[in-house]
Amino acid sequence: MEQKIRRDLNMGDNLRRLRLENKISQEKLCAELQIRGCDIGRSTYAKYEAGELNIRASVIVQLAKIYACDYSEFFAGLDD
């Protein structure tokens, strides 16, 4: 169980890193996700970054498009 929580937190760290590298606030990111059909509020997204909620695959697909990155960026370090 502890390893699963650590992995979720690591995913959250990757989500936060990508967002900050792209210089976008959680609010603006959520607005862009909503335009793309993902009904995500800022508080929900904050829980993704905190590792409190697992992110849906459909959101990762849209984030990869927004950030123009490979999917592996979201999973960096999870297998260490």
N, C-alpha and C. Protein backbone atom coordinates (compact mmCIF):
# COMPACT_ATOMS: atom_id res chain seq x y z
N MET A 1 0.83 -1.20 0.00
CA MET A 1 0.00 0.00 0.00
C MET A 1 0.87 1.26 0.00
N GLU A 2 1.91 1.28 0.83
CA GLU A 2 2.76 2.46 0.92
C GLU A 2 3.41 2.76 -0.43
N GLN A 3 3.83 1.73 -1.16
CA GLN A 3 4.46 1.95 -2.46
C GLN A 3 3.47 2.58 -3.44
N LYS A 4 2.21 2.16 -3.42
CA LYS A 4 1.20 2.74 -4.30
C LYS A 4 1.04 4.23 -4.02
N ILE A 5 0.99 4.61 -2.76
CA ILE A 5 0.85 6.02 -2.40
C ILE A 5 2.06 6.80 -2.89
N ARG A 6 3.26 6.26 -2.71
CA ARG A 6 4.47 6.94 -3.17
C ARG A 6 4.43 7.13 -4.68
N ARG A 7 3.96 6.15 -5.41
CA ARG A 7 3.86 6.27 -6.86
C ARG A 7 2.87 7.36 -7.26
N ASP A 8 1.74 7.43 -6.57
CA ASP A 8 0.77 8.47 -6.88
C ASP A 8 1.35 9.85 -6.61
N LEU A 9 2.08 9.99 -5.52
CA LEU A 9 2.71 11.27 -5.21
C LEU A 9 3.73 11.63 -6.27
N ASN A 10 4.46 10.64 -6.77
CA ASN A 10 5.45 10.89 -7.81
C ASN A 10 4.75 11.36 -9.08
N MET A 11 3.62 10.76 -9.43
CA MET A 11 2.85 11.21 -10.60
C MET A 11 2.43 12.66 -10.39
N GLY A 12 2.03 12.98 -9.18
CA GLY A 12 1.66 14.37 -8.88
C GLY A 12 2.83 15.31 -9.05
N ASP A 13 4.00 14.87 -8.64
CA ASP A 13 5.21 15.68 -8.82
C ASP A 13 5.47 15.92 -10.30
N ASN A 14 5.26 14.91 -11.12
CA ASN A 14 5.45 15.05 -12.56
C ASN A 14 4.43 16.01 -13.16
N LEU A 15 3.19 15.92 -12.70
CA LEU A 15 2.16 16.84 -13.18
C LEU A 15 2.51 18.28 -12.82
N ARG A 16 2.95 18.48 -11.59
CA ARG A 16 3.33 19.83 -11.14
C ARG A 16 4.54 20.34 -11.93
N ARG A 17 5.55 19.49 -12.11
CA ARG A 17 6.76 19.88 -12.84
C ARG A 17 6.41 20.31 -14.26
N LEU A 18 5.61 19.54 -14.95
CA LEU A 18 5.24 19.87 -16.33
C LEU A 18 4.46 21.18 -16.39
N ARG A 19 3.56 21.37 -15.44
CA ARG A 19 2.77 22.61 -15.43
C ARG A 19 3.67 23.82 -15.19
N LEU A 20 4.58 23.71 -14.24
CA LEU A 20 5.47 24.82 -13.93
C LEU A 20 6.45 25.08 -15.07
N GLU A 21 6.95 24.02 -15.71
CA GLU A 21 7.85 24.20 -16.85
C GLU A 21 7.16 24.95 -17.99
N ASN A 22 5.85 24.76 -18.09
CA ASN A 22 5.07 25.43 -19.13
C ASN A 22 4.50 26.76 -18.66
N LYS A 23 4.86 27.16 -17.45
CA LYS A 23 4.48 28.47 -16.88
C LYS A 23 2.98 28.74 -16.99
N ILE A 24 2.21 27.78 -16.48
CA ILE A 24 0.76 27.93 -16.51
C ILE A 24 0.21 27.66 -15.11
N SER A 25 -0.75 28.46 -14.71
CA SER A 25 -1.37 28.27 -13.40
C SER A 25 -2.37 27.11 -13.46
N GLN A 26 -2.72 26.60 -12.30
CA GLN A 26 -3.72 25.55 -12.26
C GLN A 26 -5.04 26.05 -12.84
N GLU A 27 -5.39 27.29 -12.56
CA GLU A 27 -6.65 27.85 -13.06
C GLU A 27 -6.67 27.89 -14.59
N LYS A 28 -5.59 28.40 -15.18
CA LYS A 28 -5.53 28.49 -16.64
C LYS A 28 -5.48 27.11 -17.28
N LEU A 29 -4.77 26.20 -16.64
CA LEU A 29 -4.69 24.84 -17.17
C LEU A 29 -6.08 24.19 -17.16
N CYS A 30 -6.80 24.35 -16.07
CA CYS A 30 -8.14 23.77 -15.97
C CYS A 30 -9.08 24.39 -16.99
N ALA A 31 -8.94 25.69 -17.23
CA ALA A 31 -9.77 26.34 -18.26
C ALA A 31 -9.48 25.74 -19.63
N GLU A 32 -8.20 25.51 -19.93
CA GLU A 32 -7.83 24.90 -21.21
C GLU A 32 -8.34 23.46 -21.30
N LEU A 33 -8.26 22.72 -20.21
CA LEU A 33 -8.78 21.35 -20.20
C LEU A 33 -10.29 21.35 -20.43
N GLN A 34 -11.00 22.32 -19.84
CA GLN A 34 -12.44 22.39 -20.02
C GLN A 34 -12.80 22.70 -21.48
N ILE A 35 -12.02 23.56 -22.11
CA ILE A 35 -12.24 23.85 -23.53
C ILE A 35 -12.09 22.58 -24.36
N ARG A 36 -11.19 21.71 -23.92
CA ARG A 36 -10.91 20.46 -24.63
C ARG A 36 -11.82 19.31 -24.20
N GLY A 37 -12.83 19.60 -23.38
CA GLY A 37 -13.82 18.60 -23.03
C GLY A 37 -13.59 17.85 -21.73
N CYS A 38 -12.58 18.24 -20.96
CA CYS A 38 -12.32 17.61 -19.66
C CYS A 38 -12.87 18.53 -18.58
N ASP A 39 -13.91 18.09 -17.91
CA ASP A 39 -14.55 18.91 -16.89
C ASP A 39 -13.79 18.78 -15.57
N ILE A 40 -12.68 19.51 -15.46
CA ILE A 40 -11.80 19.45 -14.30
C ILE A 40 -11.74 20.83 -13.64
N GLY A 41 -12.06 20.89 -12.37
CA GLY A 41 -11.93 22.14 -11.63
C GLY A 41 -10.55 22.23 -11.00
N ARG A 42 -10.18 23.42 -10.55
CA ARG A 42 -8.87 23.63 -9.97
C ARG A 42 -8.65 22.78 -8.73
N SER A 43 -9.66 22.65 -7.89
CA SER A 43 -9.49 21.85 -6.67
C SER A 43 -9.26 20.38 -7.00
N THR A 44 -9.91 19.87 -8.02
CA THR A 44 -9.68 18.49 -8.45
C THR A 44 -8.27 18.34 -8.99
N TYR A 45 -7.85 19.30 -9.83
CA TYR A 45 -6.50 19.21 -10.39
C TYR A 45 -5.44 19.30 -9.29
N ALA A 46 -5.68 20.13 -8.29
CA ALA A 46 -4.75 20.25 -7.17
C ALA A 46 -4.61 18.90 -6.46
N LYS A 47 -5.70 18.15 -6.39
CA LYS A 47 -5.64 16.82 -5.77
C LYS A 47 -4.83 15.85 -6.63
N TYR A 48 -4.87 16.00 -7.95
CA TYR A 48 -4.00 15.18 -8.82
C TYR A 48 -2.54 15.45 -8.49
N GLU A 49 -2.18 16.72 -8.40
CA GLU A 49 -0.79 17.09 -8.12
C GLU A 49 -0.36 16.68 -6.72
N ALA A 50 -1.28 16.66 -5.78
CA ALA A 50 -0.97 16.27 -4.41
C ALA A 50 -0.95 14.75 -4.24
N GLY A 51 -1.38 14.02 -5.26
CA GLY A 51 -1.43 12.57 -5.17
C GLY A 51 -2.63 12.05 -4.41
N GLU A 52 -3.63 12.90 -4.22
CA GLU A 52 -4.83 12.51 -3.48
C GLU A 52 -5.86 11.84 -4.37
N LEU A 53 -5.78 12.08 -5.68
CA LEU A 53 -6.69 11.47 -6.65
C LEU A 53 -5.86 10.93 -7.81
N ASN A 54 -6.30 9.82 -8.38
CA ASN A 54 -5.67 9.31 -9.59
C ASN A 54 -6.25 10.05 -10.78
N ILE A 55 -5.39 10.45 -11.69
CA ILE A 55 -5.80 11.20 -12.86
C ILE A 55 -6.35 10.25 -13.92
N ARG A 56 -7.40 10.68 -14.62
CA ARG A 56 -7.99 9.88 -15.68
C ARG A 56 -7.10 9.91 -16.92
N ALA A 57 -7.12 8.82 -17.66
CA ALA A 57 -6.31 8.72 -18.89
C ALA A 57 -6.71 9.81 -19.88
N SER A 58 -7.98 10.14 -19.97
CA SER A 58 -8.42 11.17 -20.93
C SER A 58 -7.82 12.53 -20.61
N VAL A 59 -7.57 12.80 -19.33
CA VAL A 59 -6.94 14.06 -18.94
C VAL A 59 -5.46 14.05 -19.33
N ILE A 60 -4.80 12.91 -19.14
CA ILE A 60 -3.39 12.80 -19.53
C ILE A 60 -3.24 13.00 -21.03
N VAL A 61 -4.15 12.46 -21.82
CA VAL A 61 -4.10 12.63 -23.27
C VAL A 61 -4.15 14.12 -23.62
N GLN A 62 -5.05 14.86 -22.99
CA GLN A 62 -5.17 16.29 -23.28
C GLN A 62 -3.96 17.07 -22.75
N LEU A 63 -3.45 16.68 -21.59
CA LEU A 63 -2.27 17.36 -21.06
C LEU A 63 -1.07 17.17 -21.97
N ALA A 64 -0.91 15.98 -22.52
CA ALA A 64 0.20 15.72 -23.45
C ALA A 64 0.09 16.63 -24.67
N LYS A 65 -1.12 16.89 -25.13
CA LYS A 65 -1.33 17.79 -26.26
C LYS A 65 -1.01 19.24 -25.86
N ILE A 66 -1.47 19.65 -24.69
CA ILE A 66 -1.23 21.01 -24.22
C ILE A 66 0.26 21.27 -24.05
N TYR A 67 0.95 20.31 -23.43
CA TYR A 67 2.38 20.48 -23.16
C TYR A 67 3.26 20.07 -24.34
N ALA A 68 2.66 19.46 -25.36
CA ALA A 68 3.42 18.94 -26.52
C ALA A 68 4.57 18.06 -26.03
N CYS A 69 4.22 17.09 -25.18
CA CYS A 69 5.24 16.21 -24.61
C CYS A 69 4.85 14.75 -24.84
N ASP A 70 5.81 13.89 -24.60
CA ASP A 70 5.59 12.46 -24.70
C ASP A 70 4.91 11.97 -23.41
N TYR A 71 4.14 10.92 -23.52
CA TYR A 71 3.44 10.39 -22.35
C TYR A 71 4.41 9.94 -21.26
N SER A 72 5.61 9.56 -21.64
CA SER A 72 6.58 9.10 -20.65
C SER A 72 6.91 10.17 -19.62
N GLU A 73 6.72 11.45 -19.98
CA GLU A 73 6.99 12.54 -19.03
C GLU A 73 6.11 12.44 -17.79
N PHE A 74 4.91 11.93 -17.94
CA PHE A 74 3.98 11.82 -16.83
C PHE A 74 4.37 10.70 -15.86
N PHE A 75 5.12 9.72 -16.38
CA PHE A 75 5.46 8.54 -15.60
C PHE A 75 6.94 8.49 -15.20
N ALA A 76 7.66 9.58 -15.42
CA ALA A 76 9.09 9.62 -15.11
C ALA A 76 9.32 9.28 -13.63
N GLY A 77 10.21 8.35 -13.39
CA GLY A 77 10.58 7.99 -12.03
C GLY A 77 9.66 7.02 -11.33
N LEU A 78 8.57 6.61 -11.95
CA LEU A 78 7.63 5.72 -11.28
C LEU A 78 8.17 4.31 -11.13
N ASP A 79 9.12 3.92 -11.95
CA ASP A 79 9.63 2.55 -11.87
C ASP A 79 10.96 2.46 -11.13
N ASP A 80 11.35 3.54 -10.49
CA ASP A 80 12.60 3.52 -9.71
C ASP A 80 12.42 2.82 -8.39
